[in-house]
N, C-alpha and C. Protein backbone atom coordinates (compact mmCIF):
# COMPACT_ATOMS: atom_id res chain seq x y z
N UNK A 1 0.84 -1.17 0.00
CA UNK A 1 0.00 0.00 0.00
C UNK A 1 0.88 1.22 0.00
N UNK A 2 0.44 2.26 -0.66
CA UNK A 2 1.27 3.42 -0.87
C UNK A 2 1.11 4.49 0.21
N UNK A 3 0.60 4.14 1.38
CA UNK A 3 0.45 5.11 2.45
C UNK A 3 -0.92 5.75 2.46
N UNK A 4 -1.71 5.55 1.42
CA UNK A 4 -3.06 6.11 1.38
C UNK A 4 -3.94 5.36 2.36
N UNK A 5 -4.84 6.08 2.98
CA UNK A 5 -5.78 5.45 3.92
C UNK A 5 -6.78 4.60 3.16
N UNK A 6 -7.30 3.63 3.86
CA UNK A 6 -8.29 2.73 3.31
C UNK A 6 -9.57 3.48 2.99
N UNK A 7 -10.34 2.93 2.07
CA UNK A 7 -11.66 3.49 1.82
C UNK A 7 -12.56 3.12 2.99
N UNK A 8 -13.49 3.98 3.29
CA UNK A 8 -14.37 3.71 4.43
C UNK A 8 -15.21 2.45 4.18
N UNK A 9 -15.54 2.17 2.93
CA UNK A 9 -16.32 0.96 2.60
C UNK A 9 -15.52 -0.29 2.90
N UNK A 10 -14.26 -0.32 2.50
CA UNK A 10 -13.40 -1.48 2.77
C UNK A 10 -13.13 -1.60 4.27
N UNK A 11 -12.85 -0.46 4.93
CA UNK A 11 -12.63 -0.48 6.38
C UNK A 11 -13.83 -1.09 7.09
N UNK A 12 -15.02 -0.67 6.72
CA UNK A 12 -16.23 -1.17 7.37
C UNK A 12 -16.39 -2.67 7.14
N UNK A 13 -16.13 -3.14 5.94
CA UNK A 13 -16.26 -4.56 5.65
C UNK A 13 -15.27 -5.38 6.47
N UNK A 14 -14.03 -4.91 6.57
CA UNK A 14 -13.01 -5.60 7.36
C UNK A 14 -13.40 -5.54 8.84
N UNK A 15 -13.80 -4.39 9.32
CA UNK A 15 -14.22 -4.23 10.73
C UNK A 15 -15.35 -5.23 11.05
N UNK A 16 -16.30 -5.37 10.15
CA UNK A 16 -17.41 -6.31 10.38
C UNK A 16 -16.92 -7.75 10.51
N UNK A 17 -15.95 -8.14 9.69
CA UNK A 17 -15.38 -9.49 9.78
C UNK A 17 -14.74 -9.69 11.15
N UNK A 18 -13.92 -8.73 11.58
CA UNK A 18 -13.19 -8.87 12.83
C UNK A 18 -14.14 -8.82 14.03
N UNK A 19 -15.07 -7.90 14.02
CA UNK A 19 -16.00 -7.79 15.14
C UNK A 19 -16.93 -9.01 15.23
N UNK A 20 -17.34 -9.56 14.08
CA UNK A 20 -18.20 -10.74 14.14
C UNK A 20 -17.41 -11.96 14.63
N UNK A 21 -16.12 -12.04 14.31
CA UNK A 21 -15.24 -13.09 14.82
C UNK A 21 -15.13 -13.00 16.34
N UNK A 22 -14.86 -11.79 16.86
CA UNK A 22 -14.74 -11.62 18.31
C UNK A 22 -16.05 -11.94 19.02
N UNK A 23 -17.17 -11.54 18.43
CA UNK A 23 -18.48 -11.84 19.01
C UNK A 23 -18.72 -13.35 19.04
N UNK A 24 -18.29 -14.06 18.00
CA UNK A 24 -18.44 -15.51 17.95
C UNK A 24 -17.60 -16.17 19.05
N UNK A 25 -16.41 -15.63 19.31
CA UNK A 25 -15.59 -16.15 20.41
C UNK A 25 -16.35 -16.01 21.72
N UNK A 26 -16.94 -14.85 21.96
CA UNK A 26 -17.68 -14.63 23.21
C UNK A 26 -18.87 -15.58 23.35
N UNK A 27 -19.43 -16.02 22.22
CA UNK A 27 -20.57 -16.98 22.23
C UNK A 27 -20.11 -18.44 22.24
N UNK A 28 -18.81 -18.68 22.13
CA UNK A 28 -18.26 -20.04 21.98
C UNK A 28 -18.81 -20.71 20.71
N UNK A 29 -18.94 -19.93 19.69
CA UNK A 29 -19.57 -20.35 18.43
C UNK A 29 -18.48 -20.69 17.41
N UNK A 30 -18.12 -21.97 17.35
CA UNK A 30 -17.04 -22.40 16.45
C UNK A 30 -17.34 -22.05 14.99
N UNK A 31 -18.56 -22.26 14.55
CA UNK A 31 -18.90 -21.96 13.16
C UNK A 31 -18.66 -20.48 12.87
N UNK A 32 -19.07 -19.61 13.77
CA UNK A 32 -18.85 -18.18 13.60
C UNK A 32 -17.38 -17.80 13.66
N UNK A 33 -16.62 -18.47 14.54
CA UNK A 33 -15.18 -18.20 14.65
C UNK A 33 -14.47 -18.54 13.35
N UNK A 34 -14.82 -19.66 12.75
CA UNK A 34 -14.14 -20.15 11.54
C UNK A 34 -14.68 -19.53 10.25
N UNK A 35 -15.84 -18.91 10.32
CA UNK A 35 -16.60 -18.47 9.15
C UNK A 35 -15.77 -17.74 8.09
N UNK A 36 -15.03 -16.75 8.45
CA UNK A 36 -14.31 -15.92 7.47
C UNK A 36 -12.81 -16.22 7.43
N UNK A 37 -12.45 -17.45 7.76
CA UNK A 37 -11.04 -17.84 7.75
C UNK A 37 -10.73 -18.73 6.55
N UNK A 38 -9.54 -18.56 6.02
CA UNK A 38 -9.06 -19.39 4.93
C UNK A 38 -8.80 -20.81 5.41
N UNK A 39 -9.01 -21.77 4.55
CA UNK A 39 -8.66 -23.16 4.88
C UNK A 39 -7.17 -23.30 5.14
N UNK A 40 -6.37 -22.37 4.60
CA UNK A 40 -4.91 -22.40 4.74
C UNK A 40 -4.39 -21.42 5.79
N UNK A 41 -5.23 -20.97 6.71
CA UNK A 41 -4.81 -19.97 7.69
C UNK A 41 -3.54 -20.39 8.42
N UNK A 42 -2.71 -19.41 8.71
CA UNK A 42 -1.54 -19.60 9.56
C UNK A 42 -1.72 -18.68 10.76
N UNK A 43 -1.54 -19.23 11.98
CA UNK A 43 -1.67 -18.43 13.18
C UNK A 43 -0.49 -18.65 14.11
N UNK A 44 -0.02 -17.56 14.69
CA UNK A 44 0.95 -17.58 15.78
C UNK A 44 0.17 -17.15 17.01
N UNK A 45 0.25 -17.94 18.09
CA UNK A 45 -0.58 -17.70 19.27
C UNK A 45 0.29 -17.54 20.51
N UNK A 46 -0.32 -17.11 21.59
CA UNK A 46 0.39 -16.95 22.85
C UNK A 46 0.72 -18.31 23.46
N UNK A 47 -0.28 -19.19 23.70
CA UNK A 47 0.09 -20.51 24.22
C UNK A 47 0.53 -21.41 23.07
N UNK A 48 1.28 -22.48 23.37
CA UNK A 48 1.64 -23.43 22.32
C UNK A 48 0.38 -24.03 21.70
N UNK A 49 0.45 -24.43 20.44
CA UNK A 49 1.66 -24.50 19.62
C UNK A 49 2.07 -23.12 19.11
N UNK A 50 3.35 -23.00 18.85
CA UNK A 50 3.93 -21.76 18.35
C UNK A 50 3.26 -21.30 17.06
N UNK A 51 2.97 -22.27 16.18
CA UNK A 51 2.36 -21.96 14.89
C UNK A 51 1.32 -23.02 14.57
N UNK A 52 0.18 -22.57 14.09
CA UNK A 52 -0.88 -23.48 13.63
C UNK A 52 -1.11 -23.23 12.15
N UNK A 53 -1.13 -24.30 11.37
CA UNK A 53 -1.36 -24.20 9.93
C UNK A 53 -2.61 -24.96 9.56
N UNK A 54 -3.51 -24.30 8.85
CA UNK A 54 -4.73 -24.93 8.38
C UNK A 54 -5.88 -24.74 9.35
N UNK A 55 -7.08 -24.82 8.82
CA UNK A 55 -8.28 -24.51 9.58
C UNK A 55 -8.52 -25.50 10.72
N UNK A 56 -8.18 -26.77 10.55
CA UNK A 56 -8.38 -27.75 11.64
C UNK A 56 -7.44 -27.48 12.81
N UNK A 57 -6.19 -27.17 12.52
CA UNK A 57 -5.24 -26.83 13.59
C UNK A 57 -5.68 -25.54 14.29
N UNK A 58 -6.15 -24.58 13.51
CA UNK A 58 -6.65 -23.32 14.08
C UNK A 58 -7.84 -23.59 15.00
N UNK A 59 -8.75 -24.45 14.57
CA UNK A 59 -9.93 -24.76 15.39
C UNK A 59 -9.51 -25.37 16.72
N UNK A 60 -8.50 -26.24 16.72
CA UNK A 60 -8.04 -26.87 17.96
C UNK A 60 -7.51 -25.85 18.96
N UNK A 61 -6.96 -24.74 18.50
CA UNK A 61 -6.47 -23.72 19.45
C UNK A 61 -7.63 -23.15 20.26
N UNK A 62 -8.81 -23.13 19.68
CA UNK A 62 -9.98 -22.61 20.41
C UNK A 62 -10.44 -23.61 21.45
N UNK A 63 -10.23 -24.90 21.24
CA UNK A 63 -10.53 -25.90 22.27
C UNK A 63 -9.74 -25.57 23.54
N UNK A 64 -8.46 -25.27 23.40
CA UNK A 64 -7.61 -24.93 24.54
C UNK A 64 -8.11 -23.64 25.20
N UNK A 65 -8.38 -22.61 24.41
CA UNK A 65 -8.85 -21.34 24.96
C UNK A 65 -10.12 -21.54 25.77
N UNK A 66 -11.10 -22.25 25.20
CA UNK A 66 -12.37 -22.43 25.89
C UNK A 66 -12.24 -23.33 27.12
N UNK A 67 -11.29 -24.26 27.11
CA UNK A 67 -11.10 -25.12 28.28
C UNK A 67 -10.56 -24.33 29.47
N UNK A 68 -9.96 -23.17 29.22
CA UNK A 68 -9.38 -22.34 30.28
C UNK A 68 -10.23 -21.10 30.57
N UNK A 69 -11.40 -21.01 29.98
CA UNK A 69 -12.21 -19.80 30.08
C UNK A 69 -13.57 -20.14 30.65
N UNK A 70 -13.98 -19.34 31.63
CA UNK A 70 -15.32 -19.54 32.19
C UNK A 70 -16.27 -18.49 31.61
N UNK A 71 -17.56 -18.72 31.82
CA UNK A 71 -18.56 -17.79 31.32
C UNK A 71 -18.76 -16.64 32.29
N UNK A 72 -19.02 -15.47 31.83
CA UNK A 72 -19.05 -15.11 30.42
C UNK A 72 -17.63 -15.02 29.85
N UNK A 73 -17.50 -15.39 28.57
CA UNK A 73 -16.21 -15.31 27.90
C UNK A 73 -15.91 -13.83 27.65
N UNK A 74 -14.75 -13.40 28.13
CA UNK A 74 -14.31 -12.03 27.91
C UNK A 74 -13.28 -12.06 26.78
N UNK A 75 -13.58 -11.36 25.70
CA UNK A 75 -12.70 -11.34 24.53
C UNK A 75 -13.05 -10.05 23.78
N UNK A 76 -12.45 -8.95 24.24
CA UNK A 76 -12.87 -7.64 23.77
C UNK A 76 -11.78 -6.93 22.99
N UNK A 77 -12.19 -6.26 21.93
CA UNK A 77 -11.32 -5.39 21.16
C UNK A 77 -11.33 -4.04 21.85
N UNK A 78 -10.17 -3.56 22.29
CA UNK A 78 -10.12 -2.27 22.97
C UNK A 78 -9.61 -1.14 22.07
N UNK A 79 -8.94 -1.49 20.99
CA UNK A 79 -8.50 -0.52 19.98
C UNK A 79 -8.25 -1.29 18.69
N UNK A 80 -8.60 -0.67 17.55
CA UNK A 80 -8.40 -1.35 16.27
C UNK A 80 -8.08 -0.32 15.19
N UNK A 81 -7.07 -0.63 14.40
CA UNK A 81 -6.71 0.16 13.23
C UNK A 81 -6.71 -0.75 12.03
N UNK A 82 -7.29 -0.28 10.93
CA UNK A 82 -7.44 -1.08 9.72
C UNK A 82 -6.73 -0.40 8.57
N UNK A 83 -6.00 -1.18 7.80
CA UNK A 83 -5.37 -0.73 6.56
C UNK A 83 -5.87 -1.67 5.47
N UNK A 84 -6.55 -1.13 4.47
CA UNK A 84 -7.12 -1.99 3.43
C UNK A 84 -7.03 -1.33 2.07
N UNK A 85 -6.75 -2.13 1.06
CA UNK A 85 -6.93 -1.66 -0.31
C UNK A 85 -7.96 -2.58 -0.94
N UNK A 86 -7.98 -2.71 -2.23
CA UNK A 86 -9.02 -3.51 -2.86
C UNK A 86 -8.92 -5.00 -2.66
N UNK A 87 -7.72 -5.52 -2.31
CA UNK A 87 -7.57 -6.97 -2.24
C UNK A 87 -6.84 -7.48 -1.00
N UNK A 88 -6.15 -6.61 -0.28
CA UNK A 88 -5.38 -7.02 0.89
C UNK A 88 -5.64 -6.03 2.02
N UNK A 89 -5.73 -6.56 3.24
CA UNK A 89 -5.91 -5.70 4.41
C UNK A 89 -5.18 -6.30 5.59
N UNK A 90 -4.84 -5.43 6.52
CA UNK A 90 -4.39 -5.94 7.81
C UNK A 90 -4.95 -5.08 8.91
N UNK A 91 -5.11 -5.71 10.05
CA UNK A 91 -5.71 -5.10 11.22
C UNK A 91 -4.71 -5.21 12.36
N UNK A 92 -4.51 -4.12 13.09
CA UNK A 92 -3.76 -4.19 14.33
C UNK A 92 -4.72 -3.79 15.44
N UNK A 93 -4.69 -4.57 16.52
CA UNK A 93 -5.66 -4.33 17.59
C UNK A 93 -5.06 -4.64 18.94
N UNK A 94 -5.62 -3.98 19.93
CA UNK A 94 -5.36 -4.30 21.33
C UNK A 94 -6.58 -5.09 21.80
N UNK A 95 -6.32 -6.16 22.54
CA UNK A 95 -7.40 -7.04 22.98
C UNK A 95 -7.33 -7.23 24.49
N UNK A 96 -8.47 -7.63 25.05
CA UNK A 96 -8.58 -7.90 26.48
C UNK A 96 -9.33 -9.20 26.67
N UNK A 97 -8.77 -10.08 27.47
CA UNK A 97 -9.48 -11.31 27.84
C UNK A 97 -9.05 -11.65 29.26
N UNK A 98 -9.52 -12.78 29.76
CA UNK A 98 -9.08 -13.25 31.07
C UNK A 98 -8.59 -14.67 30.91
N UNK A 99 -7.76 -15.06 31.85
CA UNK A 99 -7.25 -16.42 31.89
C UNK A 99 -7.28 -16.89 33.35
N UNK A 100 -7.24 -18.19 33.57
CA UNK A 100 -7.27 -18.65 34.95
C UNK A 100 -5.96 -18.35 35.66
N UNK A 101 -6.07 -17.88 36.90
CA UNK A 101 -4.89 -17.64 37.73
C UNK A 101 -4.51 -18.88 38.50
N UNK A 102 -3.48 -18.81 39.33
CA UNK A 102 -2.97 -19.97 40.06
C UNK A 102 -3.98 -20.62 41.02
N UNK A 103 -4.90 -19.82 41.56
CA UNK A 103 -5.93 -20.36 42.45
C UNK A 103 -7.28 -20.45 41.76
N UNK A 104 -7.30 -20.42 40.43
CA UNK A 104 -8.55 -20.54 39.69
C UNK A 104 -9.27 -19.22 39.49
N UNK A 105 -8.74 -18.14 40.03
CA UNK A 105 -9.37 -16.84 39.83
C UNK A 105 -9.12 -16.34 38.41
N UNK A 106 -9.91 -15.37 37.97
CA UNK A 106 -9.70 -14.79 36.64
C UNK A 106 -8.59 -13.75 36.72
N UNK A 107 -7.67 -13.84 35.79
CA UNK A 107 -6.57 -12.90 35.70
C UNK A 107 -6.73 -12.14 34.38
N UNK A 108 -6.63 -10.83 34.45
CA UNK A 108 -6.76 -10.00 33.25
C UNK A 108 -5.56 -10.22 32.33
N UNK A 109 -5.82 -10.28 31.03
CA UNK A 109 -4.75 -10.43 30.05
C UNK A 109 -4.98 -9.45 28.91
N UNK A 110 -4.02 -8.58 28.71
CA UNK A 110 -4.03 -7.68 27.57
C UNK A 110 -3.09 -8.29 26.53
N UNK A 111 -3.53 -8.35 25.29
CA UNK A 111 -2.67 -8.90 24.26
C UNK A 111 -2.81 -8.12 22.96
N UNK A 112 -1.86 -8.36 22.07
CA UNK A 112 -1.85 -7.70 20.77
C UNK A 112 -2.35 -8.68 19.72
N UNK A 113 -2.99 -8.13 18.72
CA UNK A 113 -3.53 -8.95 17.64
C UNK A 113 -3.20 -8.29 16.31
N UNK A 114 -2.68 -9.08 15.40
CA UNK A 114 -2.51 -8.64 14.01
C UNK A 114 -3.23 -9.67 13.14
N UNK A 115 -4.06 -9.18 12.25
CA UNK A 115 -4.80 -10.06 11.34
C UNK A 115 -4.50 -9.63 9.91
N UNK A 116 -4.17 -10.59 9.06
CA UNK A 116 -3.99 -10.34 7.64
C UNK A 116 -5.18 -10.92 6.89
N UNK A 117 -5.74 -10.13 5.99
CA UNK A 117 -6.91 -10.56 5.21
C UNK A 117 -6.63 -10.42 3.73
N UNK A 118 -7.28 -11.25 2.96
CA UNK A 118 -7.23 -11.19 1.51
C UNK A 118 -8.66 -11.26 1.00
N UNK A 119 -8.98 -10.46 0.01
CA UNK A 119 -10.32 -10.53 -0.57
C UNK A 119 -10.33 -11.68 -1.57
N UNK A 120 -11.14 -12.68 -1.26
CA UNK A 120 -11.24 -13.88 -2.10
C UNK A 120 -12.70 -14.00 -2.53
N UNK A 121 -12.92 -14.02 -3.83
CA UNK A 121 -14.28 -14.08 -4.38
C UNK A 121 -15.19 -13.01 -3.78
N UNK A 122 -14.63 -11.81 -3.63
CA UNK A 122 -15.41 -10.67 -3.14
C UNK A 122 -15.62 -10.62 -1.64
N UNK A 123 -15.06 -11.58 -0.89
CA UNK A 123 -15.26 -11.63 0.56
C UNK A 123 -13.92 -11.50 1.28
N UNK A 124 -13.86 -10.62 2.30
CA UNK A 124 -12.65 -10.52 3.11
C UNK A 124 -12.48 -11.80 3.90
N UNK A 125 -11.31 -12.41 3.74
CA UNK A 125 -10.99 -13.71 4.34
C UNK A 125 -9.73 -13.58 5.17
N UNK A 126 -9.77 -14.07 6.40
CA UNK A 126 -8.61 -14.02 7.29
C UNK A 126 -7.65 -15.14 6.88
N UNK A 127 -6.43 -14.74 6.52
CA UNK A 127 -5.42 -15.71 6.10
C UNK A 127 -4.29 -15.83 7.12
N UNK A 128 -4.24 -14.86 8.06
CA UNK A 128 -3.18 -14.89 9.07
C UNK A 128 -3.67 -14.20 10.34
N UNK A 129 -3.35 -14.80 11.49
CA UNK A 129 -3.57 -14.17 12.80
C UNK A 129 -2.29 -14.30 13.59
N UNK A 130 -2.01 -13.27 14.36
CA UNK A 130 -0.86 -13.30 15.26
C UNK A 130 -1.30 -12.68 16.57
N UNK A 131 -1.35 -13.50 17.62
CA UNK A 131 -1.69 -13.05 18.97
C UNK A 131 -0.38 -13.02 19.74
N UNK A 132 -0.14 -11.94 20.50
CA UNK A 132 1.11 -11.87 21.26
C UNK A 132 0.93 -11.05 22.52
N UNK A 133 1.81 -11.29 23.47
CA UNK A 133 1.89 -10.49 24.68
C UNK A 133 3.31 -9.94 24.77
N UNK A 134 3.48 -8.81 25.43
CA UNK A 134 4.83 -8.27 25.58
C UNK A 134 5.72 -9.25 26.35
N UNK A 135 6.97 -9.29 25.97
CA UNK A 135 7.93 -10.13 26.69
C UNK A 135 8.07 -9.61 28.12
N UNK A 136 8.27 -10.53 29.05
CA UNK A 136 8.47 -10.11 30.44
C UNK A 136 9.84 -10.55 30.90
N UNK A 137 10.34 -9.88 31.92
CA UNK A 137 11.67 -10.21 32.46
C UNK A 137 11.65 -11.49 33.25
């Protein structure tokens, strides 16, 4: 991209994909989570495995997340920036969720999210996700 801002129409379409994905996570809705993802998705996540390739491996990462999460599922976008042209987009976001603490209590977790999308057959499709937390000493 040449530094030009995205069109508001493309931004809105990408935002809808990302927000509907996050809402599906909060509902524990696997079909909704996977809906706009490529069969060949590659994801880098906070917990192992380091890298997941393909939609089935990606789906298994949600099994782990949900096994460690109680209701209501907290999975919120706190800031999002979108860069999109006619065929490629990426999203950078700050996210908030909780994880179990040492005594089973909920511990707040802030993490970073980068999503790469490609427009395939007129639909924005997530082809890459990268979830990360800042390194600690």
